[in-house]
Protein backbone atom coordinates (compact mmCIF):
# COMPACT_ATOMS: atom_id res chain seq x y z
CA MET A 1 -70.44 -61.86 11.62
CA ARG A 2 -69.27 -59.84 8.92
CA SER A 3 -66.46 -60.50 6.65
CA VAL A 4 -63.84 -58.41 5.20
CA PHE A 5 -62.78 -58.53 1.34
CA ARG A 6 -59.51 -57.17 0.39
CA ALA A 7 -59.19 -56.49 -3.30
CA GLY A 8 -56.08 -58.04 -4.95
CA THR A 9 -53.70 -56.57 -6.94
CA THR A 10 -52.95 -57.24 -10.55
CA GLY A 11 -50.22 -58.05 -12.29
CA SER A 12 -50.39 -55.07 -14.40
CA GLU A 13 -51.21 -53.06 -11.39
CA ASN A 14 -47.53 -53.70 -9.79
CA LYS A 15 -45.76 -53.07 -12.90
CA ARG A 16 -47.19 -49.76 -12.63
CA LEU A 17 -46.19 -49.49 -9.30
CA ILE A 18 -42.75 -50.49 -10.62
CA GLU A 19 -42.31 -47.52 -13.22
CA LEU A 20 -43.54 -45.07 -10.71
CA GLU A 21 -41.12 -46.06 -7.86
CA LYS A 22 -38.31 -45.86 -10.35
CA MET A 23 -39.31 -42.79 -11.90
CA LYS A 24 -39.43 -41.30 -8.15
CA ARG A 25 -35.71 -42.37 -7.91
CA ASP A 26 -34.83 -41.14 -11.87
CA LEU A 27 -36.11 -38.00 -10.44
CA GLU A 28 -34.39 -37.61 -7.11
CA HIS A 29 -31.54 -38.36 -8.62
CA GLN A 30 -31.66 -35.38 -11.62
CA LEU A 31 -32.50 -33.44 -8.59
CA GLN A 32 -29.70 -33.94 -7.20
CA GLU A 33 -27.45 -33.80 -10.19
CA MET A 34 -29.03 -30.44 -10.81
CA ALA A 35 -28.56 -29.22 -7.42
CA ARG A 36 -24.60 -30.25 -7.54
CA THR A 37 -24.61 -28.74 -10.51
CA VAL A 38 -25.78 -25.49 -9.00
CA GLU A 39 -23.33 -25.70 -6.35
CA ARG A 40 -20.45 -26.02 -8.84
CA GLN A 41 -21.80 -23.31 -10.98
CA GLN A 42 -22.03 -20.86 -7.71
CA GLU A 43 -18.72 -21.86 -6.52
CA MET A 44 -16.80 -21.10 -10.38
CA ILE A 45 -19.03 -17.73 -10.07
CA ALA A 46 -17.01 -17.18 -6.48
CA MET A 47 -14.04 -17.60 -7.81
CA ALA A 48 -14.50 -15.85 -10.74
CA LYS A 49 -14.97 -12.62 -8.41
CA ARG A 50 -11.80 -13.40 -6.33
CA ASP A 51 -8.18 -13.08 -6.80
CA PRO A 52 -6.55 -16.21 -7.26
CA LEU A 53 -2.93 -14.75 -5.47
CA THR A 54 -4.53 -13.11 -2.96
CA GLY A 55 -7.71 -14.41 -2.29
CA LEU A 56 -9.44 -11.11 -1.88
CA ARG A 57 -11.88 -10.00 -4.04
CA ASN A 58 -11.34 -9.03 -7.47
CA ARG A 59 -12.17 -6.09 -9.92
CA GLN A 60 -15.70 -8.08 -10.77
CA GLY A 61 -16.71 -8.87 -7.39
CA ILE A 62 -16.39 -5.60 -5.49
CA PRO A 63 -18.71 -3.41 -7.46
CA GLU A 64 -22.20 -5.54 -6.45
CA LEU A 65 -21.04 -5.10 -2.85
CA VAL A 66 -20.42 -1.73 -2.80
CA ASP A 67 -23.51 -0.79 -4.62
CA ALA A 68 -25.84 -2.80 -1.97
CA ALA A 69 -24.17 -1.55 0.85
CA LEU A 70 -24.53 2.59 -1.09
CA ARG A 71 -28.50 1.62 -1.36
CA ALA A 72 -28.54 0.39 2.14
CA ASP A 73 -26.91 3.12 3.66
CA GLN A 74 -25.52 5.96 1.28
CA GLU A 75 -22.62 6.76 3.84
CA GLY A 76 -18.93 5.35 3.12
CA ILE A 77 -15.68 5.95 2.48
CA PHE A 78 -13.70 4.73 -0.54
CA PHE A 79 -10.01 4.24 -0.49
CA ILE A 80 -7.67 3.27 -3.44
CA MET A 81 -3.95 2.37 -3.09
CA ASP A 82 -1.26 1.16 -4.58
CA MET A 83 2.77 0.47 -4.17
CA ASP A 84 4.91 3.34 -5.34
CA ASN A 85 7.82 1.83 -7.21
CA PHE A 86 6.52 -1.87 -7.52
CA LYS A 87 7.96 -2.52 -10.63
CA CYS A 88 11.55 -1.63 -9.13
CA VAL A 89 10.38 -4.63 -6.68
CA ASN A 90 10.22 -7.18 -9.97
CA ASP A 91 12.70 -5.82 -11.93
CA THR A 92 15.76 -5.99 -8.49
CA TYR A 93 14.29 -8.85 -6.94
CA GLY A 94 12.02 -10.93 -9.62
CA HIS A 95 8.26 -11.41 -10.50
CA MET A 96 8.40 -14.37 -7.88
CA GLU A 97 9.16 -11.76 -5.07
CA GLY A 98 6.80 -9.40 -6.36
CA ASP A 99 4.18 -11.81 -5.78
CA HIS A 100 5.12 -12.59 -2.41
CA VAL A 101 4.87 -8.59 -1.43
CA LEU A 102 1.12 -8.57 -3.39
CA THR A 103 0.57 -11.57 -1.09
CA LYS A 104 2.03 -10.12 2.18
CA PHE A 105 0.22 -6.70 1.15
CA ALA A 106 -3.05 -7.65 0.85
CA ARG A 107 -2.52 -9.50 4.83
CA ALA A 108 -1.24 -6.65 6.25
CA LEU A 109 -4.35 -4.27 4.78
CA LYS A 110 -6.55 -6.78 5.36
CA GLY A 111 -5.58 -6.96 9.20
CA ALA A 112 -5.42 -3.17 8.76
CA VAL A 113 -9.09 -2.69 8.23
CA ASP A 114 -12.28 -3.21 10.35
CA ALA A 115 -14.00 -6.46 9.74
CA ASN A 116 -17.00 -4.81 8.21
CA ASP A 117 -15.02 -3.20 5.38
CA ILE A 118 -14.48 -4.73 1.67
CA VAL A 119 -11.06 -5.55 0.67
CA ALA A 120 -10.46 -5.93 -3.20
CA ARG A 121 -7.35 -6.26 -5.37
CA LEU A 122 -8.02 -4.86 -8.68
CA GLY A 123 -5.19 -5.97 -10.49
CA GLY A 124 -1.46 -5.35 -10.58
CA ASP A 125 -0.59 -3.61 -6.91
CA GLU A 126 -3.86 -1.72 -7.20
CA PHE A 127 -5.78 -2.47 -4.12
CA VAL A 128 -9.66 -0.40 -2.86
CA VAL A 129 -11.51 -0.75 0.58
CA PHE A 130 -14.50 0.50 1.32
CA SER A 131 -15.80 1.18 4.94
CA PRO A 132 -19.71 1.10 4.75
CA GLU A 133 -20.16 3.56 7.54
CA HIS A 134 -19.78 7.03 8.75
CA CYS A 135 -16.69 8.86 9.42
CA ASP A 136 -15.66 12.50 10.09
CA LYS A 137 -12.70 13.36 8.43
CA TYR A 138 -10.21 13.20 11.01
CA GLU A 139 -11.04 9.48 11.60
CA VAL A 140 -10.71 9.23 7.70
CA ARG A 141 -7.30 10.69 8.09
CA ALA A 142 -6.82 8.44 11.21
CA LYS A 143 -7.67 5.29 9.25
CA ALA A 144 -5.78 5.84 6.29
CA GLN A 145 -2.56 6.49 8.52
CA ARG A 146 -3.25 3.43 10.18
CA ILE A 147 -3.54 1.38 6.92
CA VAL A 148 -0.13 2.87 5.38
CA ARG A 149 1.90 2.17 8.81
CA GLN A 150 0.76 -1.36 9.29
CA ILE A 151 1.34 -2.07 5.58
CA GLU A 152 4.80 -0.71 5.47
CA ARG A 153 5.79 -2.05 8.92
CA ARG A 154 4.51 -5.50 7.39
CA LEU A 155 6.82 -5.50 4.32
CA ALA A 156 9.79 -4.54 5.70
CA THR A 157 12.37 -7.17 4.82
CA PRO A 158 15.56 -7.22 6.77
CA GLY A 159 18.78 -7.49 4.22
CA LYS A 160 17.00 -5.93 1.85
CA LEU A 161 16.91 -2.30 0.50
CA MET A 162 13.38 -3.12 -0.33
CA ARG A 163 10.50 -0.15 1.10
CA VAL A 164 7.14 -0.17 -0.78
CA THR A 165 5.70 2.89 -0.02
CA ILE A 166 2.01 3.22 -0.58
CA SER A 167 -0.19 6.29 -2.46
CA MET A 168 -3.89 6.35 -1.82
CA GLY A 169 -6.93 8.23 -2.75
CA ILE A 170 -9.73 8.59 -1.02
CA ALA A 171 -13.66 9.43 -1.59
CA CYS A 172 -16.70 10.03 0.55
CA ALA A 173 -20.18 9.14 -0.02
CA PRO A 174 -22.62 10.71 -0.57
CA LEU A 175 -20.11 13.78 -1.01
CA ASP A 176 -18.03 12.53 -3.99
CA GLY A 177 -20.29 9.92 -5.38
CA VAL A 178 -23.62 7.52 -4.04
CA THR A 179 -22.03 4.80 -6.94
CA TYR A 180 -18.96 2.09 -7.00
CA GLU A 181 -18.26 3.75 -10.22
CA ALA A 182 -18.10 7.61 -9.50
CA LEU A 183 -16.45 6.51 -5.83
CA TYR A 184 -13.84 4.67 -7.80
CA ALA A 185 -13.78 7.44 -10.70
CA ASN A 186 -13.24 10.05 -8.07
CA ALA A 187 -10.76 8.18 -5.46
CA ASP A 188 -8.74 7.80 -8.48
CA LYS A 189 -8.23 11.51 -9.71
CA ALA A 190 -7.06 11.86 -5.88
CA LEU A 191 -4.68 8.80 -6.05
CA TYR A 192 -3.49 10.48 -9.52
CA SER A 193 -2.75 13.82 -7.62
CA VAL A 194 -0.98 12.34 -4.63
CA LYS A 195 1.48 10.52 -7.74
CA LYS A 196 1.91 13.62 -9.42
CA ALA A 197 2.79 15.27 -5.53
CA GLY A 198 5.73 12.61 -5.50
CA LYS A 199 4.09 9.78 -4.12
CA ASN A 200 3.91 8.46 -0.72
CA GLY A 201 0.75 10.00 0.63
CA TYR A 202 -2.93 10.22 0.72
CA ARG A 203 -5.50 12.92 -0.44
CA PHE A 204 -9.11 13.21 -0.79
CA TYR A 205 -11.06 13.94 -3.67
CA ALA A 206 -12.79 17.04 -1.92
CA ASP A 207 -9.63 18.66 -1.60
CA LEU A 208 -8.01 18.78 -4.74
CA ASP A 209 -9.09 22.22 -5.80
CA GLU A 210 -8.00 23.45 -2.38
CA SER A 211 -4.46 21.76 -3.00
CA GLY A 212 -4.08 23.65 -6.30
CA CYS A 213 -3.24 20.39 -8.49
CA SER A 214 -2.81 20.80 -12.03
CA ASP A 215 -2.67 18.43 -14.99
CA VAL A 216 -0.25 20.86 -16.77
CA ALA A 217 2.96 19.29 -17.11
CA GLU A 218 6.20 21.32 -16.56
CA ASP A 219 7.76 22.62 -19.69
CA ARG A 220 11.23 23.35 -19.41
CA PRO A 221 12.88 25.76 -22.78
CA ARG A 222 15.31 24.19 -25.29
CA ARG A 223 18.82 25.23 -23.93
CA THR A 224 22.40 24.13 -25.06
CA LEU A 225 24.84 22.05 -23.14
CA GLU A 226 26.78 25.55 -22.22
CA GLU A 227 23.71 27.05 -21.11
CA ILE A 228 22.61 24.63 -19.10
CA THR A 229 25.64 23.43 -17.31
CA SER A 230 26.09 27.18 -16.58
CA ARG A 231 23.10 27.09 -14.96
CA LEU A 232 23.84 23.72 -12.96
CA ARG A 233 26.61 25.52 -11.60
CA GLU A 234 25.29 28.60 -10.54
CA LYS A 235 23.35 26.48 -7.26
CA LYS A 236 26.21 25.92 -4.18
CA MET A 237 25.66 22.76 -2.69
CA GLU A 238 25.76 22.94 1.03
CA GLY A 239 25.46 20.15 3.65
CA SER A 240 24.57 16.76 2.25
CA PHE A 241 23.01 15.44 -1.03
CA GLU A 242 19.21 15.64 -0.72
CA VAL A 243 17.79 13.13 -2.81
CA ASP A 244 13.77 11.19 -3.39
CA TYR A 245 14.07 7.66 -2.07
CA THR A 246 14.22 6.23 -5.44
CA ASN A 247 17.15 8.04 -6.48
CA PHE A 248 18.87 7.28 -2.82
CA GLU A 249 18.24 3.19 -3.74
CA LYS A 250 20.01 4.38 -7.13
CA ILE A 251 22.73 5.51 -5.37
CA TYR A 252 22.95 2.60 -2.71
CA ARG A 253 23.50 0.69 -5.43
CA PHE A 254 26.05 2.44 -7.11
CA MET A 255 28.09 2.53 -3.93
CA GLU A 256 27.40 -1.44 -3.01
CA ARG A 257 28.76 -2.33 -6.92
CA ASN A 258 31.79 0.36 -6.90
CA LEU A 259 32.52 1.65 -3.60
CA ALA A 260 32.44 -0.71 -0.91
CA ARG A 261 34.39 -3.02 -3.58
CA GLU A 262 37.59 -0.69 -3.19
CA HIS A 263 37.31 -1.36 0.98
CA ARG A 264 35.63 2.34 1.24
CA GLU A 265 33.70 2.50 4.27
CA VAL A 266 30.36 3.97 4.00
CA GLN A 267 28.25 3.77 6.79
CA CYS A 268 24.26 3.82 6.32
CA VAL A 269 22.53 5.31 8.94
CA LEU A 270 18.81 5.27 10.02
CA PHE A 271 17.06 7.99 12.21
CA THR A 272 13.25 7.02 13.41
CA LEU A 273 11.12 9.31 15.01
CA GLU A 274 9.66 7.24 18.35
CA GLU A 275 5.90 7.25 17.50
CA TYR A 276 3.70 8.50 20.78
CA ILE A 277 0.47 7.93 21.38
CA GLY A 278 -1.79 10.95 20.73
CA ALA A 279 0.69 12.44 18.47
CA ASP A 280 -1.12 14.02 15.83
CA ASP A 281 0.31 14.37 11.86
CA LEU A 282 1.24 18.09 12.06
CA LEU A 283 3.12 17.58 15.36
CA ILE A 284 4.98 14.55 13.43
CA GLN A 285 5.27 16.31 10.59
CA GLY A 286 6.65 19.16 12.07
CA GLN A 287 9.50 16.78 14.15
CA LEU A 288 10.77 14.86 10.65
CA GLU A 289 11.34 18.64 9.58
CA HIS A 290 13.29 19.70 12.25
CA LEU A 291 15.36 15.60 12.17
CA GLN A 292 15.76 16.21 8.06
CA HIS A 293 17.34 19.60 8.60
CA ALA A 294 19.52 18.14 11.65
CA VAL A 295 20.49 15.36 9.46
CA ALA A 296 20.99 17.45 6.19
CA SER A 297 22.73 20.53 7.80
CA SER A 298 24.94 18.17 10.03
CA LEU A 299 26.70 15.97 6.97
CA ARG A 300 29.10 16.82 4.73
CA LYS A 301 28.57 17.39 0.90
CA GLY A 302 29.65 13.69 -0.16
CA ASP A 303 26.42 12.31 2.25
CA VAL A 304 23.40 11.56 1.21
CA THR A 305 20.02 11.56 2.73
CA THR A 306 16.70 10.74 2.20
CA LYS A 307 13.35 10.91 3.79
CA TYR A 308 12.23 6.95 4.27
CA SER A 309 8.99 7.28 5.82
CA PRO A 310 6.58 9.62 7.84
CA THR A 311 8.61 9.10 10.91
CA GLN A 312 12.30 8.27 9.29
CA VAL A 313 15.37 9.47 7.43
CA LEU A 314 17.92 7.83 5.70
CA ALA A 315 21.66 8.52 5.67
CA LEU A 316 24.79 7.49 3.53
CA LEU A 317 27.93 8.82 5.38
CA MET A 318 30.95 8.42 2.90
CA ASP A 319 34.31 7.34 3.72
CA VAL A 320 33.28 7.47 7.71
CA ASN A 321 34.26 4.26 10.25
CA ARG A 322 32.07 3.18 12.68
CA GLU A 323 33.46 4.79 15.54
CA ASN A 324 33.29 8.38 13.89
CA THR A 325 29.92 7.84 12.84
CA HIS A 326 28.77 7.41 16.14
CA SER A 327 29.97 10.94 16.67
CA VAL A 328 28.54 12.01 13.71
CA VAL A 329 25.18 10.80 15.41
CA LYS A 330 25.65 12.31 17.88
CA ARG A 331 25.89 15.79 16.82
CA ILE A 332 23.03 15.62 14.74
CA LEU A 333 20.91 14.42 17.73
CA SER A 334 22.15 17.75 19.21
CA ARG A 335 21.34 19.89 16.54
CA TYR A 336 17.53 18.05 16.31
CA ARG A 337 17.16 18.61 20.18
CA ALA A 338 18.33 22.53 19.76
CA GLU A 339 15.97 22.74 17.04
CA ALA A 340 12.88 20.94 17.99
CA GLY A 341 11.55 22.74 20.79
CA ARG A 342 9.23 21.22 23.32
CA ASP A 343 7.93 18.99 21.40
CA VAL A 344 10.96 17.33 20.61
CA MET A 345 10.81 13.05 20.30
CA HIS A 346 13.30 10.42 20.82
CA VAL A 347 14.96 9.57 17.50
CA LEU A 348 15.86 5.62 17.45
CA CYS A 349 19.36 5.40 15.41
CA ASP A 350 20.85 1.82 13.50
CA ILE A 351 24.01 1.94 11.54
CA ARG A 352 25.26 -0.50 8.89
CA GLN A 353 28.25 -0.61 7.31
CA LEU A 354 27.22 -1.51 3.44
CA MET A 355 29.01 -4.30 1.92
CA ALA A 356 29.09 -5.45 -1.70
CA ASP A 357 27.32 -8.20 -2.87
CA GLY A 358 28.69 -11.51 -1.97
CA GLU A 359 30.93 -10.24 1.04
């Protein structure tokens, strides 16, 4: 028969076991608190790299992602863009509406790019997109056009004469740089070139030398008022008054405040080239030029016209009722079809009478 003896634990050993158990619980609690602190810090860092208005990456959040993508594969396309005359939106409709436009712009931009593209708002109305992939120039052009068109469609606001156009600069890696800083700087130069050329377009950094752009500002000699007015009278005005959209909007506002309140009829007409699948840029541009000429040459001296988008022309017809406007539109379309040749496109027309505020 064999006896088994178990050693009993003394009171001091029990106390030690209790202390060890408490130390274990305290350590686990500290580790949990440290993990929560690290998580909160990571959330704060992530929030610091996000734009609070749009939810996109911000100026601090995009460089590391772009540089990481370039280190993995030194190819990609960098787009930088902003809204032309965005200040007019804030001045006309207020900053709350301006923020709403920025939010819509961000959503439209996100929906226009590919899933693996990196999108950010750098501040104000300045946005960037980096596509970490190889694209030939034709594909990049198509993507730039897709971005612009989808954003402009999403930002169209019924009942408001508010049109946001986009200027864009494009830089390609590795040709134009292999870091975020280099691509940003070169795309920004291309954007500046677009702005100087009249806005509402896009340009590649690689094309700047070919474009003949110059940073030298135009300088006119000093003249007397008599000399200036004499020179102004030398140019005869034929057909309608053609202006850029910014001035068109100012004329619209002037008429809205004054002429419409005098019960003079002013018709606003929008001509839109119906887009065809497969139509390239040169074809569309050529047809728009035919349409612009048909509009400008068919209207009277008191009428006003402007290019509204790559496929649209706007016109203001003075002292014309709706019935006569239809006759004018028919004359314009007939002239366009005669000039457009075999590439003629279908033109949609929308007519609306200009009314004063509150009417």
